[in-house]
N, C-alpha and C. Protein backbone atom coordinates (compact mmCIF):
# COMPACT_ATOMS: atom_id res chain seq x y z
N UNK A 1 -146.59 40.03 27.29
CA UNK A 1 -145.28 40.90 27.83
C UNK A 1 -145.94 41.92 28.57
N UNK A 2 -145.43 41.96 29.94
CA UNK A 2 -145.76 43.21 30.74
C UNK A 2 -145.25 44.67 30.47
N UNK A 3 -145.73 45.29 31.21
CA UNK A 3 -145.34 47.09 30.70
C UNK A 3 -143.94 47.38 30.87
N UNK A 4 -143.44 46.83 31.78
CA UNK A 4 -142.08 47.03 32.28
C UNK A 4 -141.15 46.40 31.26
N UNK A 5 -141.55 45.38 30.83
CA UNK A 5 -140.69 44.27 29.94
C UNK A 5 -140.64 45.03 28.42
N UNK A 6 -142.05 45.84 27.97
CA UNK A 6 -142.04 46.43 26.85
C UNK A 6 -140.93 47.64 27.10
N UNK A 7 -140.92 48.25 28.17
CA UNK A 7 -140.20 49.64 28.18
C UNK A 7 -138.68 48.99 28.10
N UNK A 8 -138.47 47.97 28.82
CA UNK A 8 -137.18 47.25 28.56
C UNK A 8 -136.59 47.35 27.29
N UNK A 9 -137.67 46.42 26.46
CA UNK A 9 -137.21 45.98 25.11
C UNK A 9 -137.19 47.04 24.09
N UNK A 10 -137.69 48.34 24.45
CA UNK A 10 -137.45 49.23 23.48
C UNK A 10 -136.54 50.60 24.03
N UNK A 11 -135.54 49.92 24.78
CA UNK A 11 -134.70 50.97 25.36
C UNK A 11 -133.22 50.47 24.77
N UNK A 12 -132.08 51.16 24.83
CA UNK A 12 -130.92 50.68 24.67
C UNK A 12 -130.28 49.66 25.36
N UNK A 13 -130.95 49.07 26.32
CA UNK A 13 -130.69 48.16 27.37
C UNK A 13 -131.28 46.77 26.69
N UNK A 14 -131.99 46.93 25.78
CA UNK A 14 -133.14 45.96 25.52
C UNK A 14 -132.71 45.42 23.94
N UNK A 15 -131.56 45.91 23.18
CA UNK A 15 -131.20 45.95 22.01
C UNK A 15 -131.06 44.30 21.63
N UNK A 16 -130.44 43.26 22.43
CA UNK A 16 -130.28 41.99 22.33
C UNK A 16 -131.07 41.12 23.24
N UNK A 17 -131.72 41.56 23.75
CA UNK A 17 -132.92 40.87 24.82
C UNK A 17 -134.05 40.04 23.89
N UNK A 18 -134.60 39.22 24.36
CA UNK A 18 -135.76 38.44 23.85
C UNK A 18 -136.85 38.82 24.99
N UNK A 19 -138.23 38.41 24.55
CA UNK A 19 -139.14 38.85 25.44
C UNK A 19 -139.16 38.46 26.69
N UNK A 20 -138.56 37.14 26.83
CA UNK A 20 -138.51 36.41 28.03
C UNK A 20 -137.49 37.19 28.89
N UNK A 21 -136.39 37.30 28.04
CA UNK A 21 -135.32 38.23 29.00
C UNK A 21 -135.81 39.44 29.82
N UNK A 22 -136.82 40.40 28.77
CA UNK A 22 -137.36 41.47 29.07
C UNK A 22 -138.23 41.08 30.40
N UNK A 23 -139.01 40.02 30.38
CA UNK A 23 -139.88 39.73 31.72
C UNK A 23 -139.21 39.60 32.60
N UNK A 24 -137.87 38.92 32.45
CA UNK A 24 -137.13 38.69 33.75
C UNK A 24 -136.74 40.02 34.65
N UNK A 25 -136.06 40.77 33.66
CA UNK A 25 -135.42 42.02 34.03
C UNK A 25 -136.75 42.89 34.60
N UNK A 26 -137.91 42.94 33.76
CA UNK A 26 -138.88 43.63 34.48
C UNK A 26 -139.28 43.27 35.66
N UNK A 27 -139.13 42.02 36.45
CA UNK A 27 -139.43 41.48 37.55
C UNK A 27 -138.88 41.93 38.47
N UNK A 28 -137.18 42.14 38.13
CA UNK A 28 -136.39 42.99 39.22
C UNK A 28 -136.11 44.04 39.47
N UNK A 29 -136.92 44.89 38.17
CA UNK A 29 -136.59 46.56 38.22
C UNK A 29 -137.91 47.22 39.10
N UNK A 30 -137.52 48.24 39.71
CA UNK A 30 -138.48 49.22 40.49
C UNK A 30 -138.89 50.26 39.63
N UNK A 31 -140.08 50.91 39.63
CA UNK A 31 -140.36 52.12 39.01
C UNK A 31 -140.37 53.20 40.15
N UNK A 32 -139.48 54.24 39.45
CA UNK A 32 -139.33 55.51 40.26
C UNK A 32 -140.03 56.48 39.37
N UNK A 33 -140.83 57.54 40.06
CA UNK A 33 -141.79 58.70 39.43
C UNK A 33 -140.98 59.61 39.73
N UNK A 34 -140.66 60.40 38.98
CA UNK A 34 -140.01 62.08 39.32
C UNK A 34 -140.93 63.13 38.88
N UNK A 35 -141.15 64.14 39.83
CA UNK A 35 -141.35 65.28 39.36
C UNK A 35 -140.71 66.25 38.69
N UNK A 36 -141.02 67.09 37.94
CA UNK A 36 -140.19 68.09 37.24
C UNK A 36 -139.15 68.73 38.43
N UNK A 37 -137.77 68.67 38.12
CA UNK A 37 -136.94 69.20 39.13
C UNK A 37 -136.49 68.19 40.20
N UNK A 38 -137.05 66.98 40.36
CA UNK A 38 -136.60 65.87 41.26
C UNK A 38 -135.26 65.43 40.98
N UNK A 39 -134.47 64.95 41.83
CA UNK A 39 -133.18 64.23 41.63
C UNK A 39 -133.31 62.83 41.31
N UNK A 40 -132.83 61.99 40.26
CA UNK A 40 -132.87 60.65 40.44
C UNK A 40 -131.41 60.26 41.13
N UNK A 41 -130.62 61.03 40.70
CA UNK A 41 -129.02 60.81 41.47
C UNK A 41 -128.71 62.19 41.80
N UNK A 42 -128.04 62.03 42.90
CA UNK A 42 -126.99 63.46 43.17
C UNK A 42 -125.79 63.34 43.05
N UNK A 43 -125.03 64.21 42.65
CA UNK A 43 -123.62 64.02 42.52
C UNK A 43 -123.08 63.63 43.92
N UNK A 44 -122.06 62.78 43.72
CA UNK A 44 -121.46 62.33 45.25
C UNK A 44 -122.14 61.25 45.69
N UNK A 45 -123.18 60.58 45.46
CA UNK A 45 -123.91 59.45 46.14
C UNK A 45 -123.52 58.39 45.30
N UNK A 46 -124.26 57.45 46.21
CA UNK A 46 -123.79 56.03 45.33
C UNK A 46 -125.30 54.98 45.40
N UNK A 47 -125.51 54.49 44.62
CA UNK A 47 -126.98 53.75 44.56
C UNK A 47 -126.88 52.57 43.87
N UNK A 48 -125.68 52.37 43.50
CA UNK A 48 -125.40 50.82 42.73
C UNK A 48 -126.52 50.32 41.85
N UNK A 49 -127.06 51.31 41.09
CA UNK A 49 -128.58 50.75 40.26
C UNK A 49 -128.35 51.41 38.99
N UNK A 50 -128.62 50.53 37.85
CA UNK A 50 -128.77 50.95 36.76
C UNK A 50 -130.01 51.35 36.38
N UNK A 51 -130.44 52.62 35.56
CA UNK A 51 -131.45 53.22 35.50
C UNK A 51 -131.97 53.43 33.90
N UNK A 52 -132.95 53.17 33.64
CA UNK A 52 -133.50 53.28 31.99
C UNK A 52 -134.65 54.11 32.12
N UNK A 53 -134.58 55.41 31.21
CA UNK A 53 -135.79 56.34 31.32
C UNK A 53 -136.77 55.83 30.29
N UNK A 54 -138.01 55.71 30.74
CA UNK A 54 -139.09 55.10 30.37
C UNK A 54 -139.83 56.27 29.95
N UNK A 55 -140.21 57.17 30.56
CA UNK A 55 -140.84 58.35 29.98
C UNK A 55 -140.32 59.65 30.41
N UNK A 56 -140.09 60.76 29.85
CA UNK A 56 -139.62 62.03 29.95
C UNK A 56 -137.98 62.17 29.91
N UNK A 57 -137.90 63.38 30.37
CA UNK A 57 -136.25 63.45 30.18
C UNK A 57 -135.64 63.81 31.49
N UNK A 58 -134.02 63.45 31.39
CA UNK A 58 -133.52 63.59 32.39
C UNK A 58 -132.39 64.47 32.11
N UNK A 59 -131.92 65.58 32.88
CA UNK A 59 -130.70 66.20 32.57
C UNK A 59 -129.52 65.82 33.66
N UNK A 60 -128.54 65.63 32.62
CA UNK A 60 -127.10 65.25 33.44
C UNK A 60 -126.50 66.65 33.94
N UNK A 61 -126.28 66.83 35.21
CA UNK A 61 -125.92 67.73 35.83
C UNK A 61 -124.38 67.52 36.43
N UNK A 62 -123.69 68.78 36.65
CA UNK A 62 -122.38 68.68 37.38
C UNK A 62 -122.07 69.71 38.14
N UNK A 63 -121.77 69.95 39.50
CA UNK A 63 -121.92 70.85 40.18
C UNK A 63 -120.40 71.72 39.71
N UNK A 64 -120.62 72.96 39.53
CA UNK A 64 -119.83 74.11 38.61
C UNK A 64 -118.63 74.38 39.80
N UNK A 65 -119.05 74.03 41.16
CA UNK A 65 -118.00 74.56 42.00
C UNK A 65 -118.34 76.28 42.72
N UNK A 66 -119.32 76.80 42.03
CA UNK A 66 -120.00 77.78 42.44
C UNK A 66 -121.12 77.70 42.94
N UNK A 67 -121.78 76.56 43.20
CA UNK A 67 -123.29 76.12 43.67
C UNK A 67 -124.22 76.17 42.68
N UNK A 68 -123.72 76.48 41.36
CA UNK A 68 -124.78 76.14 40.36
C UNK A 68 -124.33 74.88 39.83
N UNK A 69 -125.44 74.48 39.05
CA UNK A 69 -125.32 73.10 38.28
C UNK A 69 -125.50 73.27 36.76
N UNK A 70 -124.17 72.66 36.29
CA UNK A 70 -123.96 73.05 34.77
C UNK A 70 -124.62 71.68 33.98
N UNK A 71 -125.44 71.91 33.16
CA UNK A 71 -125.72 70.92 32.21
C UNK A 71 -125.17 70.38 31.45
N UNK A 72 -124.79 69.13 31.36
CA UNK A 72 -123.94 68.18 30.22
C UNK A 72 -124.70 67.60 29.10
N UNK A 73 -126.00 67.11 29.39
CA UNK A 73 -126.54 66.43 28.38
C UNK A 73 -127.78 66.15 28.92
N UNK A 74 -128.89 65.67 28.06
CA UNK A 74 -130.22 65.47 28.28
C UNK A 74 -130.36 64.11 27.72
N UNK A 75 -131.22 62.98 28.99
CA UNK A 75 -131.17 61.70 28.53
C UNK A 75 -132.73 61.68 28.26
N UNK A 76 -133.04 60.60 27.08
CA UNK A 76 -134.56 60.77 26.79
C UNK A 76 -134.98 59.20 27.04
N UNK A 77 -136.16 59.18 26.59
CA UNK A 77 -136.84 57.62 26.68
C UNK A 77 -136.01 56.97 25.89
N UNK A 78 -135.68 55.57 26.72
CA UNK A 78 -134.77 54.48 26.02
C UNK A 78 -133.54 54.57 26.70
N UNK A 79 -132.84 55.62 26.87
CA UNK A 79 -131.70 56.05 27.52
C UNK A 79 -131.19 55.27 28.74
N UNK A 80 -130.03 54.93 29.11
CA UNK A 80 -129.71 54.02 30.52
C UNK A 80 -128.88 55.02 31.01
N UNK A 81 -128.80 55.02 32.48
CA UNK A 81 -127.79 56.03 33.39
C UNK A 81 -127.67 55.16 34.35
N UNK A 82 -126.44 55.71 35.08
CA UNK A 82 -125.90 54.96 36.36
C UNK A 82 -124.84 53.72 36.13
N UNK A 83 -124.35 53.72 34.85
CA UNK A 83 -123.78 52.36 34.59
C UNK A 83 -122.83 52.09 35.27
N UNK A 84 -121.72 53.53 35.44
CA UNK A 84 -120.45 53.17 36.25
C UNK A 84 -120.78 52.77 37.77
N UNK A 85 -121.58 53.34 38.29
CA UNK A 85 -122.05 53.15 39.75
C UNK A 85 -122.37 51.63 39.80
N UNK A 86 -123.09 51.12 38.86
CA UNK A 86 -123.97 49.93 38.79
C UNK A 86 -122.65 49.08 38.65
N UNK A 87 -121.68 49.44 37.97
CA UNK A 87 -120.68 47.95 37.82
C UNK A 87 -119.81 48.20 38.88
N UNK A 88 -119.21 49.44 39.38
CA UNK A 88 -118.16 49.46 40.56
C UNK A 88 -118.50 49.91 41.74
N UNK A 89 -119.66 50.37 41.93
CA UNK A 89 -120.20 50.71 43.49
C UNK A 89 -119.62 52.16 43.78
N UNK A 90 -118.99 52.64 42.67
CA UNK A 90 -118.16 54.31 43.10
C UNK A 90 -119.39 55.30 43.15
N UNK A 91 -118.79 56.39 43.62
CA UNK A 91 -119.70 57.60 43.78
C UNK A 91 -119.98 58.06 42.37
N UNK A 92 -121.16 58.54 42.14
CA UNK A 92 -121.62 59.16 40.94
C UNK A 92 -120.88 60.43 40.94
N UNK A 93 -120.65 60.62 39.67
CA UNK A 93 -119.73 62.12 39.44
C UNK A 93 -120.37 63.20 38.65
N UNK A 94 -121.60 62.76 38.59
CA UNK A 94 -122.69 63.73 38.06
C UNK A 94 -124.11 63.38 38.79
N UNK A 95 -124.86 64.22 38.38
CA UNK A 95 -126.26 64.26 39.18
C UNK A 95 -127.38 64.04 37.78
N UNK A 96 -128.37 63.60 38.02
CA UNK A 96 -129.65 63.36 37.13
C UNK A 96 -130.51 64.18 37.85
N UNK A 97 -131.42 64.82 36.95
CA UNK A 97 -132.63 65.76 37.38
C UNK A 97 -133.42 65.67 36.25
N UNK A 98 -135.02 65.47 36.85
CA UNK A 98 -135.78 65.55 35.78
C UNK A 98 -135.92 66.76 35.27
N UNK A 99 -136.18 66.91 34.04
CA UNK A 99 -136.60 68.19 33.31
C UNK A 99 -138.47 68.22 33.21
N UNK A 100 -139.04 67.20 33.33
CA UNK A 100 -140.22 67.19 33.42
C UNK A 100 -140.68 65.72 34.17
N UNK A 101 -142.05 65.80 34.15
CA UNK A 101 -142.25 64.63 34.91
C UNK A 101 -141.90 63.41 34.57
N UNK A 102 -141.34 62.25 34.87
CA UNK A 102 -140.48 61.32 34.06
C UNK A 102 -140.61 60.08 34.85
N UNK A 103 -140.61 59.05 34.23
CA UNK A 103 -140.74 57.69 34.81
C UNK A 103 -139.41 57.00 34.55
N UNK A 104 -138.80 56.32 35.55
CA UNK A 104 -137.83 55.65 35.39
C UNK A 104 -137.66 54.19 35.99
N UNK A 105 -136.96 53.06 35.28
CA UNK A 105 -136.95 51.89 35.88
C UNK A 105 -135.52 51.76 36.51
N UNK A 106 -135.53 51.09 37.39
CA UNK A 106 -134.11 51.18 38.16
C UNK A 106 -133.87 49.36 38.50
N UNK A 107 -132.56 49.38 38.19
CA UNK A 107 -132.14 47.81 38.77
C UNK A 107 -131.15 47.92 39.68
N UNK A 108 -131.11 47.31 41.05
CA UNK A 108 -130.24 47.24 41.85
C UNK A 108 -129.37 46.01 41.32
N UNK A 109 -128.03 46.35 41.68
CA UNK A 109 -126.98 45.46 41.38
C UNK A 109 -127.19 44.42 42.04
N UNK A 110 -127.63 44.42 43.68
CA UNK A 110 -127.81 43.01 44.06
C UNK A 110 -129.12 42.17 43.93
N UNK A 111 -130.22 43.07 43.15
CA UNK A 111 -131.08 42.18 42.56
C UNK A 111 -130.86 41.45 41.36
N UNK A 112 -129.85 42.05 40.54
CA UNK A 112 -129.38 41.48 39.00
C UNK A 112 -128.34 40.40 39.29
N UNK A 113 -127.66 40.52 40.61
CA UNK A 113 -126.57 39.54 40.85
C UNK A 113 -127.34 38.40 41.20
N UNK A 114 -128.88 38.16 41.55
CA UNK A 114 -129.45 37.00 42.04
C UNK A 114 -129.76 36.13 40.81
N UNK A 115 -129.64 36.71 39.58
CA UNK A 115 -129.78 36.10 38.09
C UNK A 115 -128.73 35.37 37.79
N UNK A 116 -127.67 35.54 38.17
CA UNK A 116 -126.45 35.16 37.41
C UNK A 116 -126.24 33.69 36.99
N UNK A 117 -126.50 32.81 37.92
CA UNK A 117 -126.35 31.44 38.02
C UNK A 117 -127.26 30.74 36.99
N UNK A 118 -128.72 31.20 37.43
CA UNK A 118 -129.66 30.75 36.43
C UNK A 118 -129.89 31.37 34.90
N UNK A 119 -129.41 32.53 35.06
CA UNK A 119 -129.57 33.56 33.48
C UNK A 119 -128.39 33.75 33.24
N UNK A 120 -127.24 33.30 32.97
CA UNK A 120 -125.90 33.87 32.49
C UNK A 120 -125.72 34.70 31.35
N UNK A 121 -126.55 34.03 30.13
CA UNK A 121 -126.68 34.65 28.77
C UNK A 121 -127.28 36.08 29.21
N UNK A 122 -128.29 36.45 29.76
CA UNK A 122 -129.06 37.66 30.06
C UNK A 122 -128.15 38.53 30.57
N UNK A 123 -127.41 38.11 31.75
CA UNK A 123 -126.12 38.90 32.41
C UNK A 123 -125.32 39.32 31.39
N UNK A 124 -124.94 38.40 30.57
CA UNK A 124 -123.82 38.84 29.53
C UNK A 124 -124.58 40.10 28.36
N UNK A 125 -125.79 39.75 27.98
CA UNK A 125 -126.57 40.73 27.28
C UNK A 125 -126.59 42.02 27.69
N UNK A 126 -127.01 42.00 29.34
CA UNK A 126 -126.97 43.39 29.93
C UNK A 126 -125.63 43.87 30.00
N UNK A 127 -124.73 43.34 30.27
CA UNK A 127 -123.43 43.97 30.28
C UNK A 127 -122.91 44.25 29.00
N UNK A 128 -123.11 43.48 27.89
CA UNK A 128 -122.65 44.13 26.72
C UNK A 128 -123.57 45.44 26.44
N UNK A 129 -124.94 45.48 26.79
CA UNK A 129 -125.51 46.77 26.40
C UNK A 129 -124.97 47.95 27.11
N UNK A 130 -124.56 47.58 28.53
CA UNK A 130 -123.84 48.73 29.24
C UNK A 130 -122.55 49.36 28.53
């Protein structure tokens, strides 16, 4: 099993996945490295991606209207983010900012859709996890 697959299987996305499923998803996902303070997602943007926090912490932030960002939650290793934009392609209603150096695995919807016909059970399991 490769490193990406291991991270996926140990996340909330991997609860129902087999090792083979993890390897398939790992091959579709790209690694994103964030420094402390970097944004993975900015409020109001779209990226059509599902994100898994592999290491580090991400803060969920919302523009307060005064130019400041209000902290809503903190995502930790194994948490997933971007679910709604991944499903419907709409703009993100919140931002995600790294609270420390962090590593994220991102799955673009277009890449995910390439496995629908060949691996429908895997697609079903991922959607259940979301």
